[in-house]
Amino acid sequence: MSHRTKLIAALAAVPLIAGLAACASPAAGEGGDSANDVVKIGVVGAGDPQWAAFEAAAADEGITIEVVDFADYAQPNPATSEGELDLNQFQHIVYLADYNVSSGEDLTPIGSTAIYPLGLYSTKYDSVKDIPKGETVAVPNDASNQARALLVLQSAGLIELKSGGTIFSDLADIDESASKVKVTALEASLTPTSLPDVAAAVINNDFVEDAGLSFQDAIAQDDPSDPNALPYVNIFAARAEDKDDETYLKLVEIFQTDSDVQAALVEASGNTAVPVQTPVADLVDSLTKVESDTKAAKG
């Protein structure tokens, strides 16, 4: 979503009430001294350089943040819903929609960050055309990233999807008789480690460099500039009750406009990230539509 992407919002910072050490801070604007409060933000890949730059830029505005690292995508949303985090920033709209529909929660986007191309990597082949017929390719097993990965494989000519390809495509949508390769689904963080055993793997951006790969090593990828890519814009997500929190919105503004944060974000992506400042209303509209489509797809 993996698994990076940037965008919108702006307002003045407001104080937060200090919470218990093990819990998320209360919503900003409820009183207290924001300089003494900590906003907890869940991410996947806290070692990426934009987070240190973001902490420094927020501190310059009198806001203390704690970047909480998670090993995989399944954890930050429940932690946000349960109040262990104030915000998270690791996912695109499709992933959030699937979480909300599956869990009955109402997390909502409060700003965009960037959109990232999703790449296909191989340690055995230098190009897609070199992959022999009948080989196996790995994709992430979470619903949102799996569908996007299958679209990458179809665009690369490795598979054919019966539906033509949608944000809900899964392994059952693959027309095996018309496809060049077989596809297996793995937990997203495991796709890089599968490379010795498969012909290639679609790897979310959060795990590319940790696997010793470069973004330039991708032998195929999707097009982040496609207008249909809005559902894959990465976002800051908050609980619905906190969507207007002025401190949180100020943090989004800092992330989107601070030159050091933006430079670090692009650097961390291997110059592949496309920073965006999508209006929050557009993000919410996209989430609403994808949630509706997701409910229909799940029956």
Protein backbone atom coordinates (compact mmCIF):
# COMPACT_ATOMS: atom_id res chain seq x y z
CA MET A 1 0.00 0.00 0.00
CA SER A 2 1.54 -1.34 0.77
CA HIS A 3 1.96 0.15 0.92
CA ARG A 4 3.43 5.50 0.47
CA THR A 5 1.36 8.68 -0.71
CA LYS A 6 0.80 12.62 0.38
CA LEU A 7 -1.75 15.45 0.52
CA ILE A 8 -4.06 18.06 2.18
CA ALA A 9 -5.43 20.14 5.07
CA ALA A 10 -4.55 23.22 7.00
CA LEU A 11 -5.47 24.96 10.25
CA ALA A 12 -3.86 26.19 13.43
CA ALA A 13 -2.70 23.77 16.10
CA VAL A 14 -4.82 23.41 19.22
CA PRO A 15 -4.02 21.81 22.55
CA LEU A 16 -4.72 18.20 23.38
CA ILE A 17 -5.63 16.70 26.72
CA ALA A 18 -2.93 14.37 27.89
CA GLY A 19 -3.96 10.71 27.76
CA LEU A 20 -2.73 7.69 29.60
CA ALA A 21 0.63 6.41 28.42
CA ALA A 22 -0.88 3.30 26.87
CA CYS A 23 -3.75 5.12 25.18
CA ALA A 24 -4.15 7.63 22.38
CA SER A 25 -4.35 11.30 23.27
CA PRO A 26 -7.84 12.81 23.35
CA ALA A 27 -8.95 14.90 20.40
CA ALA A 28 -7.24 18.25 20.01
CA GLY A 29 -9.16 21.27 21.06
CA GLU A 30 -10.45 19.72 24.30
CA GLY A 31 -8.06 21.73 26.45
CA GLY A 32 -4.59 21.26 27.87
CA ASP A 33 -1.20 22.32 26.56
CA SER A 34 -0.47 20.87 23.12
CA ALA A 35 3.24 21.39 23.71
CA ASN A 36 3.05 18.79 26.48
CA ASP A 37 0.80 16.33 24.64
CA VAL A 38 1.87 13.61 22.23
CA VAL A 39 0.02 12.76 19.03
CA LYS A 40 0.56 9.08 18.23
CA ILE A 41 0.74 8.22 14.53
CA GLY A 42 0.86 4.61 13.36
CA VAL A 43 2.98 3.79 10.31
CA VAL A 44 4.58 0.83 8.58
CA GLY A 45 8.23 1.74 8.10
CA ALA A 46 9.08 4.27 10.82
CA GLY A 47 12.70 4.25 9.69
CA ASP A 48 11.82 6.08 6.49
CA PRO A 49 13.44 9.53 6.52
CA GLN A 50 10.22 11.54 6.21
CA TRP A 51 9.18 10.60 9.74
CA ALA A 52 12.22 12.13 11.44
CA ALA A 53 11.76 15.24 9.30
CA PHE A 54 8.06 15.31 10.18
CA GLU A 55 8.77 15.04 13.91
CA ALA A 56 11.16 17.99 13.67
CA ALA A 57 8.77 20.10 11.59
CA ALA A 58 5.89 19.39 13.96
CA ALA A 59 8.05 20.28 16.95
CA ASP A 60 8.82 23.62 15.32
CA GLU A 61 5.06 24.27 15.42
CA GLY A 62 4.80 23.23 19.08
CA ILE A 63 3.34 19.77 18.37
CA THR A 64 4.97 16.62 19.71
CA ILE A 65 4.35 13.46 17.72
CA GLU A 66 5.28 9.85 18.39
CA VAL A 67 5.66 7.69 15.31
CA VAL A 68 4.57 4.15 16.22
CA ASP A 69 5.96 1.46 13.92
CA PHE A 70 4.02 -1.65 12.90
CA ALA A 71 5.34 -4.73 11.13
CA ASP A 72 2.36 -5.22 8.84
CA TYR A 73 -0.74 -3.49 7.51
CA ALA A 74 -3.28 -5.39 9.61
CA GLN A 75 -2.43 -3.60 12.87
CA PRO A 76 -2.62 0.23 12.60
CA ASN A 77 -6.33 0.55 11.79
CA PRO A 78 -7.59 -1.49 14.78
CA ALA A 79 -5.15 0.39 17.00
CA THR A 80 -6.60 3.68 15.73
CA SER A 81 -10.19 2.52 16.18
CA GLU A 82 -9.43 1.41 19.74
CA GLY A 83 -7.82 4.73 20.67
CA GLU A 84 -4.27 3.42 20.98
CA LEU A 85 -3.30 5.74 18.12
CA ASP A 86 -4.57 9.20 17.22
CA LEU A 87 -3.84 8.91 13.49
CA ASN A 88 -2.30 6.51 11.04
CA GLN A 89 -0.58 7.00 7.71
CA PHE A 90 0.22 3.84 5.80
CA GLN A 91 -2.73 3.03 3.54
CA HIS A 92 -4.69 4.07 0.50
CA ILE A 93 -8.44 4.59 0.27
CA VAL A 94 -9.19 1.08 -1.04
CA TYR A 95 -7.48 -0.50 1.97
CA LEU A 96 -9.31 1.77 4.41
CA ALA A 97 -12.66 1.06 2.76
CA ASP A 98 -12.14 -2.69 3.08
CA TYR A 99 -11.23 -2.28 6.76
CA ASN A 100 -14.26 -0.12 7.54
CA VAL A 101 -16.67 -2.47 5.78
CA SER A 102 -15.17 -5.60 7.34
CA SER A 103 -14.93 -4.19 10.87
CA GLY A 104 -17.94 -1.89 10.98
CA GLU A 105 -15.67 1.02 11.95
CA ASP A 106 -15.75 4.56 10.56
CA LEU A 107 -12.16 5.70 10.17
CA THR A 108 -11.97 8.58 7.69
CA PRO A 109 -9.33 10.37 5.62
CA ILE A 110 -8.30 13.83 6.84
CA GLY A 111 -5.62 14.46 4.22
CA SER A 112 -3.62 12.93 1.43
CA THR A 113 0.11 12.29 1.22
CA ALA A 114 1.16 10.74 -2.07
CA ILE A 115 0.48 8.04 -4.58
CA TYR A 116 3.07 5.36 -5.25
CA PRO A 117 3.44 3.02 -8.19
CA LEU A 118 3.16 -0.65 -7.24
CA GLY A 119 6.02 -2.68 -8.69
CA LEU A 120 6.80 -6.23 -9.80
CA TYR A 121 10.29 -7.42 -8.78
CA SER A 122 12.43 -10.42 -9.63
CA THR A 123 15.86 -11.69 -8.66
CA LYS A 124 15.82 -14.23 -11.48
CA TYR A 125 14.65 -12.30 -14.54
CA ASP A 126 15.56 -8.88 -15.92
CA SER A 127 12.29 -8.32 -17.77
CA VAL A 128 8.72 -9.58 -17.82
CA LYS A 129 9.19 -11.17 -21.23
CA ASP A 130 11.93 -13.42 -19.81
CA ILE A 131 9.56 -15.10 -17.31
CA PRO A 132 8.76 -18.60 -18.66
CA LYS A 133 5.21 -19.82 -19.07
CA GLY A 134 3.96 -21.77 -16.07
CA GLU A 135 6.18 -20.01 -13.51
CA THR A 136 4.70 -18.68 -10.25
CA VAL A 137 4.39 -15.01 -9.25
CA ALA A 138 3.57 -13.86 -5.69
CA VAL A 139 1.15 -11.06 -4.78
CA PRO A 140 0.01 -9.59 -1.43
CA ASN A 141 -2.91 -11.45 0.15
CA ASP A 142 -4.86 -8.47 1.54
CA ALA A 143 -7.87 -7.72 -0.64
CA SER A 144 -7.07 -4.17 -1.73
CA ASN A 145 -3.41 -4.64 -2.58
CA GLN A 146 -4.05 -8.02 -4.16
CA ALA A 147 -6.51 -6.53 -6.65
CA ARG A 148 -4.07 -3.77 -7.59
CA ALA A 149 -1.24 -6.30 -7.92
CA LEU A 150 -3.32 -8.44 -10.29
CA LEU A 151 -3.96 -5.37 -12.43
CA VAL A 152 -0.17 -4.84 -12.61
CA LEU A 153 0.29 -8.46 -13.74
CA GLN A 154 -2.45 -8.12 -16.34
CA SER A 155 -0.93 -4.91 -17.71
CA ALA A 156 2.41 -6.72 -17.93
CA GLY A 157 0.82 -9.50 -20.00
CA LEU A 158 1.36 -12.20 -17.38
CA ILE A 159 -2.29 -12.95 -16.57
CA GLU A 160 -5.80 -12.35 -17.88
CA LEU A 161 -8.64 -11.42 -15.54
CA LYS A 162 -12.13 -12.67 -16.35
CA SER A 163 -13.73 -9.40 -15.24
CA GLY A 164 -11.23 -7.31 -17.16
CA GLY A 165 -9.85 -6.21 -13.79
CA THR A 166 -11.42 -4.21 -10.96
CA ILE A 167 -10.43 -3.04 -7.46
CA PHE A 168 -12.12 -6.24 -6.24
CA SER A 169 -10.29 -8.75 -8.45
CA ASP A 170 -8.88 -11.72 -6.57
CA LEU A 171 -7.21 -15.00 -7.47
CA ALA A 172 -10.57 -16.49 -8.50
CA ASP A 173 -10.81 -13.79 -11.20
CA ILE A 174 -7.73 -15.12 -12.99
CA ASP A 175 -8.39 -16.90 -16.29
CA GLU A 176 -5.79 -19.61 -15.78
CA SER A 177 -6.07 -21.03 -19.30
CA ALA A 178 -5.35 -17.61 -20.82
CA SER A 179 -2.60 -16.63 -18.36
CA LYS A 180 1.13 -17.06 -18.75
CA VAL A 181 1.92 -17.58 -15.05
CA LYS A 182 0.42 -19.00 -11.89
CA VAL A 183 -0.22 -16.65 -8.96
CA THR A 184 0.12 -17.27 -5.24
CA ALA A 185 -0.94 -14.89 -2.45
CA LEU A 186 1.23 -14.16 0.61
CA GLU A 187 1.10 -11.75 3.54
CA ALA A 188 2.48 -8.48 2.13
CA SER A 189 5.61 -8.42 4.30
CA LEU A 190 6.53 -11.91 3.08
CA THR A 191 6.45 -11.21 -0.66
CA PRO A 192 10.09 -9.99 -0.71
CA THR A 193 11.36 -13.10 1.06
CA SER A 194 9.53 -15.26 -1.48
CA LEU A 195 11.72 -14.03 -4.36
CA PRO A 196 14.16 -17.00 -4.24
CA ASP A 197 11.20 -19.36 -4.64
CA VAL A 198 9.11 -17.59 -7.29
CA ALA A 199 9.72 -16.02 -10.68
CA ALA A 200 8.70 -12.57 -9.43
CA ALA A 201 6.66 -10.85 -6.74
CA VAL A 202 4.57 -7.70 -6.47
CA ILE A 203 6.05 -5.95 -3.44
CA ASN A 204 4.47 -3.06 -1.58
CA ASN A 205 6.71 0.00 -1.37
CA ASP A 206 7.10 -0.25 2.41
CA PHE A 207 9.05 -3.50 2.03
CA VAL A 208 11.14 -2.89 -1.10
CA GLU A 209 14.29 -1.35 0.38
CA ASP A 210 14.15 -3.51 3.51
CA ALA A 211 14.54 -6.46 1.15
CA GLY A 212 17.71 -4.98 -0.32
CA LEU A 213 15.95 -3.94 -3.52
CA SER A 214 15.79 -0.60 -5.30
CA PHE A 215 12.59 0.87 -6.71
CA GLN A 216 14.43 1.07 -10.02
CA ASP A 217 14.66 -2.76 -9.95
CA ALA A 218 10.94 -3.09 -10.77
CA ILE A 219 10.39 -4.93 -14.05
CA ALA A 220 6.78 -3.69 -14.27
CA GLN A 221 4.57 -1.20 -12.39
CA ASP A 222 1.27 0.64 -12.59
CA ASP A 223 0.77 4.30 -13.54
CA PRO A 224 0.14 6.59 -10.53
CA SER A 225 -0.87 9.48 -12.80
CA ASP A 226 -3.94 7.64 -14.10
CA PRO A 227 -7.11 9.59 -13.09
CA ASN A 228 -8.59 6.28 -11.98
CA ALA A 229 -5.84 6.04 -9.37
CA LEU A 230 -7.63 8.21 -6.76
CA PRO A 231 -8.64 5.17 -4.66
CA TYR A 232 -4.93 4.39 -4.36
CA VAL A 233 -3.95 7.76 -2.93
CA ASN A 234 -2.32 7.34 0.47
CA ILE A 235 -3.94 9.17 3.35
CA PHE A 236 -3.83 10.22 6.97
CA ALA A 237 -6.74 8.43 8.69
CA ALA A 238 -8.49 9.37 11.93
CA ARG A 239 -11.58 8.32 13.86
CA ALA A 240 -14.65 10.04 12.40
CA GLU A 241 -15.20 11.94 15.65
CA ASP A 242 -11.74 13.51 15.24
CA LYS A 243 -11.99 14.51 11.57
CA ASP A 244 -12.10 18.25 12.39
CA ASP A 245 -9.45 18.18 15.10
CA GLU A 246 -7.37 21.29 14.44
CA THR A 247 -4.10 19.82 15.68
CA TYR A 248 -4.47 16.78 13.43
CA LEU A 249 -5.31 18.97 10.45
CA LYS A 250 -2.31 21.15 11.20
CA LEU A 251 -0.13 18.05 11.14
CA VAL A 252 -1.46 17.16 7.71
CA GLU A 253 -0.67 20.68 6.51
CA ILE A 254 2.88 20.39 7.87
CA PHE A 255 3.41 17.04 6.16
CA GLN A 256 2.17 18.36 2.83
CA THR A 257 4.01 21.67 2.82
CA ASP A 258 7.28 21.25 4.73
CA SER A 259 10.08 21.05 2.17
CA ASP A 260 12.25 18.71 4.26
CA VAL A 261 9.37 16.28 4.80
CA GLN A 262 8.47 16.30 1.11
CA ALA A 263 12.07 15.82 -0.01
CA ALA A 264 12.50 12.91 2.42
CA LEU A 265 9.24 11.32 1.27
CA VAL A 266 10.33 11.36 -2.35
CA GLU A 267 13.81 10.15 -1.39
CA ALA A 268 12.39 7.23 0.57
CA SER A 269 10.38 6.15 -2.46
CA GLY A 270 13.38 6.13 -4.75
CA ASN A 271 11.93 9.19 -6.50
CA THR A 272 8.80 7.24 -7.44
CA ALA A 273 6.30 8.92 -5.08
CA VAL A 274 3.93 11.47 -6.58
CA PRO A 275 3.00 13.93 -3.80
CA VAL A 276 -0.61 15.07 -3.93
CA GLN A 277 -2.83 17.53 -2.10
CA THR A 278 -6.23 16.10 -2.91
CA PRO A 279 -9.18 17.97 -1.33
CA VAL A 280 -10.46 16.09 1.70
CA ALA A 281 -13.99 16.17 0.27
CA ASP A 282 -12.74 14.24 -2.76
CA LEU A 283 -11.04 11.69 -0.53
CA VAL A 284 -14.21 11.21 1.51
CA ASP A 285 -16.34 10.90 -1.65
CA SER A 286 -13.95 8.27 -2.99
CA LEU A 287 -14.03 6.37 0.31
CA THR A 288 -17.84 6.43 0.35
CA LYS A 289 -18.02 5.05 -3.19
CA VAL A 290 -15.42 2.35 -2.60
CA GLU A 291 -17.13 1.33 0.65
CA SER A 292 -20.45 1.04 -1.20
CA ASP A 293 -18.85 -1.03 -3.95
CA THR A 294 -17.07 -3.16 -1.36
CA LYS A 295 -20.32 -3.92 0.48
CA ALA A 296 -21.94 -4.92 -2.81
CA ALA A 297 -18.98 -7.11 -3.73
CA LYS A 298 -19.07 -8.84 -0.34
CA GLY A 299 -22.79 -9.50 -0.76
